[in-house]
Amino acid sequence: MPATFRFRRMVDFSDTDMAGIMHFAAFFRFMESAEHALLRSLGLSIYQQHEEGVALSFPRVSARCDYHSPARCENELDIEVVVHRLGTSSITYGFRFSHADHELAVGEMTSVCCLIQEGVRPKPTPLPQDIVALLKPYLSAS
């Protein structure tokens, strides 16, 4: 059974539309916040120094979200994060949003490990083995 990272975040007024319902785009910001929290809990960062003048970062290449029920202003959302896939240079995360044990949405986001250097296009690079080892416990069977 894979480990699941749990993250809680309140829906702010700025996350909602005129009806007080969480705007669809806010789910993507919440997914990113949950991903960052997972990485920080493992002692990692979404953007870290790799070598002099070169950083290691994880630009997104794909994101999707399927909505089942609305989230409303001031709801506290529980966001569960698992890793669906660890590729050679990519990580695909799965997200499940709920409020009061009621599923609201499920999403998925794929990030590619890249070397980032100012003035140079991001260059995909294999995932460092220490990062793979830290994420493996979250790898789901799906």
Protein backbone atom coordinates (compact mmCIF):
# COMPACT_ATOMS: atom_id res chain seq x y z
CA MET A 1 0.00 0.00 0.00
CA PRO A 2 1.57 3.31 -1.04
CA ALA A 3 1.98 6.16 1.38
CA THR A 4 -0.37 9.10 0.85
CA PHE A 5 0.68 12.66 1.58
CA ARG A 6 -2.14 14.72 3.07
CA PHE A 7 -2.36 18.48 2.76
CA ARG A 8 -5.13 20.77 4.02
CA ARG A 9 -5.97 24.17 2.60
CA MET A 10 -8.86 26.56 3.05
CA VAL A 11 -10.72 27.96 0.06
CA ASP A 12 -10.19 31.72 0.23
CA PHE A 13 -12.64 34.27 -1.16
CA SER A 14 -10.10 35.04 -3.91
CA ASP A 15 -10.30 31.37 -5.03
CA THR A 16 -14.03 31.63 -5.79
CA ASP A 17 -16.35 33.02 -8.44
CA MET A 18 -19.33 35.36 -7.88
CA ALA A 19 -21.40 32.43 -6.54
CA GLY A 20 -18.80 31.61 -3.87
CA ILE A 21 -17.81 28.38 -5.64
CA MET A 22 -14.13 27.59 -6.07
CA HIS A 23 -13.04 28.54 -9.59
CA PHE A 24 -11.83 25.61 -11.68
CA ALA A 25 -8.35 27.15 -12.14
CA ALA A 26 -7.83 27.36 -8.36
CA PHE A 27 -7.70 23.55 -8.21
CA PHE A 28 -4.46 23.71 -10.23
CA ARG A 29 -2.91 26.17 -7.75
CA PHE A 30 -3.96 23.88 -4.90
CA MET A 31 -2.36 20.89 -6.66
CA GLU A 32 0.86 22.85 -7.01
CA SER A 33 0.77 23.88 -3.33
CA ALA A 34 0.25 20.25 -2.30
CA GLU A 35 3.14 19.11 -4.52
CA HIS A 36 5.43 21.74 -2.97
CA ALA A 37 4.36 20.72 0.54
CA LEU A 38 5.12 17.06 -0.23
CA LEU A 39 8.58 17.94 -1.55
CA ARG A 40 9.33 20.19 1.45
CA SER A 41 8.24 17.39 3.81
CA LEU A 42 10.95 15.25 2.18
CA GLY A 43 13.60 17.96 2.56
CA LEU A 44 13.41 18.89 -1.13
CA SER A 45 12.41 21.97 -3.09
CA ILE A 46 10.69 22.58 -6.40
CA TYR A 47 13.67 24.76 -7.32
CA GLN A 48 17.06 23.89 -5.87
CA GLN A 49 20.67 24.74 -6.60
CA HIS A 50 22.30 21.95 -8.60
CA GLU A 51 25.73 23.36 -9.41
CA GLU A 52 27.17 26.83 -9.91
CA GLY A 53 24.73 28.81 -12.06
CA VAL A 54 22.48 25.79 -12.67
CA ALA A 55 19.31 24.91 -10.77
CA LEU A 56 17.24 21.74 -10.74
CA SER A 57 13.52 22.37 -11.18
CA PHE A 58 10.34 20.63 -12.25
CA PRO A 59 8.33 22.48 -14.93
CA ARG A 60 4.87 21.06 -15.57
CA VAL A 61 4.17 19.46 -18.93
CA SER A 62 0.65 18.19 -18.29
CA ALA A 63 -2.19 18.90 -15.86
CA ARG A 64 -5.82 17.87 -15.68
CA CYS A 65 -8.62 17.90 -13.17
CA ASP A 66 -12.05 16.24 -13.13
CA TYR A 67 -14.68 17.95 -10.99
CA HIS A 68 -17.40 16.03 -9.14
CA SER A 69 -18.83 18.49 -6.64
CA PRO A 70 -18.27 22.19 -5.86
CA ALA A 71 -15.92 23.50 -3.21
CA ARG A 72 -17.11 26.68 -1.52
CA CYS A 73 -15.57 29.69 0.14
CA GLU A 74 -14.07 28.82 3.55
CA ASN A 75 -14.33 25.06 3.01
CA GLU A 76 -11.24 23.29 4.31
CA LEU A 77 -10.13 20.93 1.57
CA ASP A 78 -8.21 17.77 2.21
CA ILE A 79 -5.85 17.04 -0.66
CA GLU A 80 -4.32 13.58 -0.91
CA VAL A 81 -1.20 13.25 -3.04
CA VAL A 82 0.31 10.06 -4.45
CA VAL A 83 2.83 9.44 -7.21
CA HIS A 84 1.23 7.71 -10.21
CA ARG A 85 4.47 7.32 -12.15
CA LEU A 86 8.21 7.85 -11.76
CA GLY A 87 9.70 8.05 -15.23
CA THR A 88 13.31 8.51 -16.24
CA SER A 89 12.99 12.28 -15.97
CA SER A 90 9.34 12.82 -15.05
CA ILE A 91 7.04 12.54 -12.06
CA THR A 92 3.27 12.16 -12.41
CA TYR A 93 1.32 13.05 -9.28
CA GLY A 94 -2.27 12.12 -8.50
CA PHE A 95 -4.48 14.37 -6.37
CA ARG A 96 -7.80 13.72 -4.62
CA PHE A 97 -9.75 16.69 -3.23
CA SER A 98 -12.36 16.20 -0.53
CA HIS A 99 -14.32 18.17 2.04
CA ALA A 100 -15.95 16.48 5.04
CA ASP A 101 -15.11 13.08 3.48
CA HIS A 102 -16.98 14.00 0.28
CA GLU A 103 -14.92 13.73 -2.92
CA LEU A 104 -14.87 17.00 -4.87
CA ALA A 105 -12.31 16.44 -7.63
CA VAL A 106 -9.42 14.32 -8.82
CA GLY A 107 -6.45 15.63 -10.72
CA GLU A 108 -3.14 14.65 -12.19
CA MET A 109 -0.02 16.64 -12.97
CA THR A 110 3.23 15.64 -14.68
CA SER A 111 6.48 17.51 -14.04
CA VAL A 112 9.79 16.99 -15.81
CA CYS A 113 13.11 17.25 -14.00
CA CYS A 114 15.12 19.95 -15.77
CA LEU A 115 18.38 21.77 -15.47
CA ILE A 116 17.63 25.50 -15.41
CA GLN A 117 20.27 28.01 -16.44
CA GLU A 118 19.62 31.69 -17.08
CA GLY A 119 19.28 32.44 -20.78
CA VAL A 120 19.17 28.75 -21.73
CA ARG A 121 16.12 26.64 -22.51
CA PRO A 122 15.31 24.17 -19.68
CA LYS A 123 17.07 20.86 -20.34
CA PRO A 124 15.39 17.61 -19.23
CA THR A 125 17.65 15.48 -17.08
CA PRO A 126 17.22 12.11 -15.34
CA LEU A 127 15.66 12.22 -11.90
CA PRO A 128 18.38 12.07 -9.25
CA GLN A 129 18.28 8.72 -7.46
CA ASP A 130 17.96 10.34 -4.03
CA ILE A 131 14.73 12.02 -5.19
CA VAL A 132 13.45 8.75 -6.67
CA ALA A 133 14.16 6.97 -3.37
CA LEU A 134 12.28 9.65 -1.39
CA LEU A 135 9.23 9.52 -3.70
CA LYS A 136 9.03 5.71 -4.13
CA PRO A 137 6.99 5.16 -0.95
CA TYR A 138 4.24 7.34 -2.52
CA LEU A 139 4.17 5.36 -5.78
CA SER A 140 0.68 3.96 -6.34
CA ALA A 141 -0.20 0.88 -8.33
CA SER A 142 -2.48 2.81 -10.73
